[in-house]
Amino acid sequence: MHPTEKEAVDLATFRLRDIAVLWENFSDAFLDQYLPQEIRQARVDHFLALKQGNMSVREYSQRLDSLARYAPSIVATMQERVHKFIAGLALELTEACATATLQDSMDISRIQAFAQNIEKGRHRQHGTERSEQGQHKRMRFARYQEQSQHSYRPQYFGRPPSPPPPQL
């Protein structure tokens, strides 16, 4: 006699229920032994206070993701996770990312990629501006050199001539 699909699912659920309880007990005991409650709470506090600051978006994303595992109840849903990510971003990225989250398909990986793309674009823009500023400085220096070539220059650049010997 073969069980129906529903009976097979019920049987698997029944068997796995005990394993899930054992795993939960094991993981709690493991964490208590190797990662004390004080350290876990400190990491939760660090997670709550995390801001992008001087980090790149990529570094901030990685740090946020690594600390989120210590605060699963705080970022239990995708929406909460995205909100926490945006709340810690630098101000110049917050508005664009908050607007992007209005799309239904936006999840944490997409908003992180979106913020990284904005950051890359701004770095390129700043690099172009610096390049243009450097080119402008070089042009001014070339004009200065050209003008100075037409101005008075001493005939020699070595030692000044020694004074004539005194006459008696």
C-alpha atoms as a PDB file:
ATOM      1  CA  MET A   1       0.000   0.000   0.000  1.00  0.00           C
ATOM      2  CA  HIS A   2       1.347   3.399  -1.026  1.00  0.00           C
ATOM      3  CA  PRO A   3       0.548   6.524   0.986  1.00  0.00           C
ATOM      4  CA  THR A   4      -1.096   9.469  -0.730  1.00  0.00           C
ATOM      5  CA  GLU A   5       0.861  12.706  -1.239  1.00  0.00           C
ATOM      6  CA  LYS A   6      -0.850  14.317   1.737  1.00  0.00           C
ATOM      7  CA  GLU A   7      -0.050  11.352   3.984  1.00  0.00           C
ATOM      8  CA  ALA A   8       3.601  11.402   2.831  1.00  0.00           C
ATOM      9  CA  VAL A   9       3.869  15.117   3.662  1.00  0.00           C
ATOM     10  CA  ASP A  10       2.268  14.587   7.060  1.00  0.00           C
ATOM     11  CA  LEU A  11       4.669  11.732   7.821  1.00  0.00           C
ATOM     12  CA  ALA A  12       7.723  13.776   6.758  1.00  0.00           C
ATOM     13  CA  THR A  13       6.524  16.734   8.828  1.00  0.00           C
ATOM     14  CA  PHE A  14       6.068  14.495  11.864  1.00  0.00           C
ATOM     15  CA  ARG A  15       9.546  13.004  11.509  1.00  0.00           C
ATOM     16  CA  LEU A  16      11.242  16.380  10.924  1.00  0.00           C
ATOM     17  CA  ARG A  17       9.500  18.046  13.871  1.00  0.00           C
ATOM     18  CA  ASP A  18      11.695  16.179  16.357  1.00  0.00           C
ATOM     19  CA  ILE A  19      14.820  16.948  14.323  1.00  0.00           C
ATOM     20  CA  ALA A  20      13.934  20.648  14.249  1.00  0.00           C
ATOM     21  CA  VAL A  21      13.584  20.706  18.041  1.00  0.00           C
ATOM     22  CA  LEU A  22      16.907  18.897  18.438  1.00  0.00           C
ATOM     23  CA  TRP A  23      18.593  21.305  16.013  1.00  0.00           C
ATOM     24  CA  GLU A  24      17.201  24.326  17.844  1.00  0.00           C
ATOM     25  CA  ASN A  25      18.457  22.944  21.163  1.00  0.00           C
ATOM     26  CA  PHE A  26      21.849  22.176  19.631  1.00  0.00           C
ATOM     27  CA  SER A  27      22.239  25.609  18.028  1.00  0.00           C
ATOM     28  CA  ASP A  28      21.268  27.371  21.281  1.00  0.00           C
ATOM     29  CA  ALA A  29      23.769  25.306  23.280  1.00  0.00           C
ATOM     30  CA  PHE A  30      26.470  25.871  20.647  1.00  0.00           C
ATOM     31  CA  LEU A  31      25.939  29.641  20.633  1.00  0.00           C
ATOM     32  CA  ASP A  32      25.920  29.807  24.427  1.00  0.00           C
ATOM     33  CA  GLN A  33      29.194  27.894  24.565  1.00  0.00           C
ATOM     34  CA  TYR A  34      31.122  29.663  21.790  1.00  0.00           C
ATOM     35  CA  LEU A  35      29.404  33.031  21.466  1.00  0.00           C
ATOM     36  CA  PRO A  36      28.185  34.320  24.832  1.00  0.00           C
ATOM     37  CA  GLN A  37      25.011  36.366  25.127  1.00  0.00           C
ATOM     38  CA  GLU A  38      26.987  39.542  25.925  1.00  0.00           C
ATOM     39  CA  ILE A  39      28.888  39.351  22.638  1.00  0.00           C
ATOM     40  CA  ARG A  40      25.727  38.615  20.669  1.00  0.00           C
ATOM     41  CA  GLN A  41      24.007  41.622  22.264  1.00  0.00           C
ATOM     42  CA  ALA A  42      27.008  43.832  21.477  1.00  0.00           C
ATOM     43  CA  ARG A  43      26.753  42.775  17.828  1.00  0.00           C
ATOM     44  CA  VAL A  44      23.028  43.523  17.790  1.00  0.00           C
ATOM     45  CA  ASP A  45      23.798  46.990  19.183  1.00  0.00           C
ATOM     46  CA  HIS A  46      26.500  47.451  16.538  1.00  0.00           C
ATOM     47  CA  PHE A  47      23.982  46.397  13.874  1.00  0.00           C
ATOM     48  CA  LEU A  48      21.421  48.921  15.113  1.00  0.00           C
ATOM     49  CA  ALA A  49      23.976  51.760  15.152  1.00  0.00           C
ATOM     50  CA  LEU A  50      25.619  50.889  11.814  1.00  0.00           C
ATOM     51  CA  LYS A  51      25.917  53.790   9.342  1.00  0.00           C
ATOM     52  CA  GLN A  52      27.762  53.961   6.038  1.00  0.00           C
ATOM     53  CA  GLY A  53      30.042  56.805   7.094  1.00  0.00           C
ATOM     54  CA  ASN A  54      33.334  56.608   5.166  1.00  0.00           C
ATOM     55  CA  MET A  55      32.699  53.068   3.920  1.00  0.00           C
ATOM     56  CA  SER A  56      31.840  52.339   0.321  1.00  0.00           C
ATOM     57  CA  VAL A  57      28.333  51.026  -0.341  1.00  0.00           C
ATOM     58  CA  ARG A  58      29.813  47.580  -0.900  1.00  0.00           C
ATOM     59  CA  GLU A  59      31.648  47.593   2.448  1.00  0.00           C
ATOM     60  CA  TYR A  60      28.555  48.908   4.221  1.00  0.00           C
ATOM     61  CA  SER A  61      26.386  46.204   2.600  1.00  0.00           C
ATOM     62  CA  GLN A  62      28.771  43.448   3.624  1.00  0.00           C
ATOM     63  CA  ARG A  63      29.007  44.676   7.206  1.00  0.00           C
ATOM     64  CA  LEU A  64      25.217  45.052   7.436  1.00  0.00           C
ATOM     65  CA  ASP A  65      24.674  41.539   6.062  1.00  0.00           C
ATOM     66  CA  SER A  66      27.195  39.997   8.446  1.00  0.00           C
ATOM     67  CA  LEU A  67      25.654  41.702  11.487  1.00  0.00           C
ATOM     68  CA  ALA A  68      22.029  41.050  10.461  1.00  0.00           C
ATOM     69  CA  ARG A  69      22.308  37.411  11.475  1.00  0.00           C
ATOM     70  CA  TYR A  70      22.589  38.533  15.101  1.00  0.00           C
ATOM     71  CA  ALA A  71      19.319  40.466  14.839  1.00  0.00           C
ATOM     72  CA  PRO A  72      16.971  38.236  12.840  1.00  0.00           C
ATOM     73  CA  SER A  73      13.862  39.519  14.596  1.00  0.00           C
ATOM     74  CA  ILE A  74      14.717  43.133  13.688  1.00  0.00           C
ATOM     75  CA  VAL A  75      15.009  42.404   9.967  1.00  0.00           C
ATOM     76  CA  ALA A  76      12.605  39.482   9.718  1.00  0.00           C
ATOM     77  CA  THR A  77      11.008  40.644   6.469  1.00  0.00           C
ATOM     78  CA  MET A  78      12.587  41.855   3.248  1.00  0.00           C
ATOM     79  CA  GLN A  79      10.930  45.246   3.678  1.00  0.00           C
ATOM     80  CA  GLU A  80      12.502  45.671   7.140  1.00  0.00           C
ATOM     81  CA  ARG A  81      15.901  44.652   5.796  1.00  0.00           C
ATOM     82  CA  VAL A  82      15.703  47.150   2.921  1.00  0.00           C
ATOM     83  CA  HIS A  83      14.539  49.877   5.315  1.00  0.00           C
ATOM     84  CA  LYS A  84      17.491  49.249   7.670  1.00  0.00           C
ATOM     85  CA  PHE A  85      19.914  49.346   4.724  1.00  0.00           C
ATOM     86  CA  ILE A  86      18.587  52.684   3.462  1.00  0.00           C
ATOM     87  CA  ALA A  87      18.436  54.190   6.955  1.00  0.00           C
ATOM     88  CA  GLY A  88      22.196  53.723   7.331  1.00  0.00           C
ATOM     89  CA  LEU A  89      23.209  54.989   3.893  1.00  0.00           C
ATOM     90  CA  ALA A  90      24.985  58.294   3.345  1.00  0.00           C
ATOM     91  CA  LEU A  91      22.536  61.171   2.898  1.00  0.00           C
ATOM     92  CA  GLU A  92      23.325  61.694  -0.794  1.00  0.00           C
ATOM     93  CA  LEU A  93      22.164  58.114  -1.546  1.00  0.00           C
ATOM     94  CA  THR A  94      19.169  57.897   0.777  1.00  0.00           C
ATOM     95  CA  GLU A  95      16.639  59.804  -1.310  1.00  0.00           C
ATOM     96  CA  ALA A  96      17.330  57.983  -4.576  1.00  0.00           C
ATOM     97  CA  CYS A  97      17.266  54.589  -2.869  1.00  0.00           C
ATOM     98  CA  ALA A  98      14.098  55.372  -0.916  1.00  0.00           C
ATOM     99  CA  THR A  99      12.389  56.299  -4.185  1.00  0.00           C
ATOM    100  CA  ALA A 100      13.636  53.095  -5.821  1.00  0.00           C
ATOM    101  CA  THR A 101      12.048  50.980  -3.066  1.00  0.00           C
ATOM    102  CA  LEU A 102       8.614  52.075  -4.232  1.00  0.00           C
ATOM    103  CA  GLN A 103       8.934  49.430  -6.942  1.00  0.00           C
ATOM    104  CA  ASP A 104       7.344  46.150  -5.914  1.00  0.00           C
ATOM    105  CA  SER A 105      10.243  44.028  -7.165  1.00  0.00           C
ATOM    106  CA  MET A 106      12.882  45.762  -5.025  1.00  0.00           C
ATOM    107  CA  ASP A 107      14.662  43.435  -2.620  1.00  0.00           C
ATOM    108  CA  ILE A 108      17.860  43.856  -0.596  1.00  0.00           C
ATOM    109  CA  SER A 109      20.258  42.682  -3.305  1.00  0.00           C
ATOM    110  CA  ARG A 110      18.688  44.964  -5.910  1.00  0.00           C
ATOM    111  CA  ILE A 111      18.718  48.039  -3.668  1.00  0.00           C
ATOM    112  CA  GLN A 112      22.352  47.337  -2.745  1.00  0.00           C
ATOM    113  CA  ALA A 113      23.287  47.087  -6.428  1.00  0.00           C
ATOM    114  CA  PHE A 114      21.298  50.252  -7.154  1.00  0.00           C
ATOM    115  CA  ALA A 115      23.171  52.189  -4.449  1.00  0.00           C
ATOM    116  CA  GLN A 116      26.521  50.858  -5.698  1.00  0.00           C
ATOM    117  CA  ASN A 117      25.703  52.033  -9.228  1.00  0.00           C
ATOM    118  CA  ILE A 118      24.841  55.513  -7.980  1.00  0.00           C
ATOM    119  CA  GLU A 119      28.101  55.603  -6.034  1.00  0.00           C
ATOM    120  CA  LYS A 120      30.128  54.478  -9.086  1.00  0.00           C
ATOM    121  CA  GLY A 121      28.473  57.147 -11.218  1.00  0.00           C
ATOM    122  CA  ARG A 122      29.353  59.830  -8.701  1.00  0.00           C
ATOM    123  CA  HIS A 123      32.953  58.639  -8.523  1.00  0.00           C
ATOM    124  CA  ARG A 124      33.186  58.775 -12.320  1.00  0.00           C
ATOM    125  CA  GLN A 125      31.698  62.267 -12.305  1.00  0.00           C
ATOM    126  CA  HIS A 126      34.179  63.452  -9.666  1.00  0.00           C
ATOM    127  CA  GLY A 127      37.035  61.850 -11.619  1.00  0.00           C
ATOM    128  CA  THR A 128      35.968  63.697 -14.770  1.00  0.00           C
ATOM    129  CA  GLU A 129      35.746  66.974 -12.877  1.00  0.00           C
ATOM    130  CA  ARG A 130      39.221  66.457 -11.413  1.00  0.00           C
ATOM    131  CA  SER A 131      40.576  65.586 -14.828  1.00  0.00           C
ATOM    132  CA  GLU A 132      39.067  68.762 -16.283  1.00  0.00           C
ATOM    133  CA  GLN A 133      40.490  70.817 -13.413  1.00  0.00           C
ATOM    134  CA  GLY A 134      43.934  69.312 -13.980  1.00  0.00           C
ATOM    135  CA  GLN A 135      43.716  70.019 -17.700  1.00  0.00           C
ATOM    136  CA  HIS A 136      42.718  73.621 -16.960  1.00  0.00           C
ATOM    137  CA  LYS A 137      45.717  74.006 -14.630  1.00  0.00           C
ATOM    138  CA  ARG A 138      48.055  72.588 -17.269  1.00  0.00           C
ATOM    139  CA  MET A 139      46.683  75.029 -19.844  1.00  0.00           C
ATOM    140  CA  ARG A 140      47.232  77.968 -17.472  1.00  0.00           C
ATOM    141  CA  PHE A 141      50.775  76.813 -16.755  1.00  0.00           C
ATOM    142  CA  ALA A 142      51.532  76.482 -20.478  1.00  0.00           C
ATOM    143  CA  ARG A 143      50.247  80.049 -21.053  1.00  0.00           C
ATOM    144  CA  TYR A 144      52.365  81.268 -18.150  1.00  0.00           C
ATOM    145  CA  GLN A 145      55.456  79.603 -19.599  1.00  0.00           C
ATOM    146  CA  GLU A 146      54.762  81.083 -23.020  1.00  0.00           C
ATOM    147  CA  GLN A 147      54.385  84.567 -21.555  1.00  0.00           C
ATOM    148  CA  SER A 148      57.496  84.225 -19.415  1.00  0.00           C
ATOM    149  CA  GLN A 149      59.589  83.286 -22.456  1.00  0.00           C
ATOM    150  CA  HIS A 150      58.963  86.736 -23.909  1.00  0.00           C
ATOM    151  CA  SER A 151      59.855  88.561 -20.715  1.00  0.00           C
ATOM    152  CA  TYR A 152      63.319  89.571 -19.510  1.00  0.00           C
ATOM    153  CA  ARG A 153      65.672  86.768 -18.621  1.00  0.00           C
ATOM    154  CA  PRO A 154      69.224  87.141 -17.373  1.00  0.00           C
ATOM    155  CA  GLN A 155      71.898  85.978 -19.814  1.00  0.00           C
ATOM    156  CA  TYR A 156      73.431  83.484 -17.430  1.00  0.00           C
ATOM    157  CA  PHE A 157      72.166  81.246 -14.714  1.00  0.00           C
ATOM    158  CA  GLY A 158      75.444  80.258 -13.071  1.00  0.00           C
ATOM    159  CA  ARG A 159      77.521  82.262 -10.613  1.00  0.00           C
ATOM    160  CA  PRO A 160      77.552  85.978 -10.877  1.00  0.00           C
ATOM    161  CA  PRO A 161      80.751  87.323 -12.418  1.00  0.00           C
ATOM    162  CA  SER A 162      83.471  88.126  -9.923  1.00  0.00           C
ATOM    163  CA  PRO A 163      84.138  91.851  -9.427  1.00  0.00           C
ATOM    164  CA  PRO A 164      87.144  93.306 -11.271  1.00  0.00           C
ATOM    165  CA  PRO A 165      90.389  93.363  -9.299  1.00  0.00           C
ATOM    166  CA  PRO A 166      91.023  96.605  -7.434  1.00  0.00           C
ATOM    167  CA  GLN A 167      93.237  99.089  -9.296  1.00  0.00           C
ATOM    168  CA  LEU A 168      96.091 100.773  -7.547  1.00  0.00           C
END
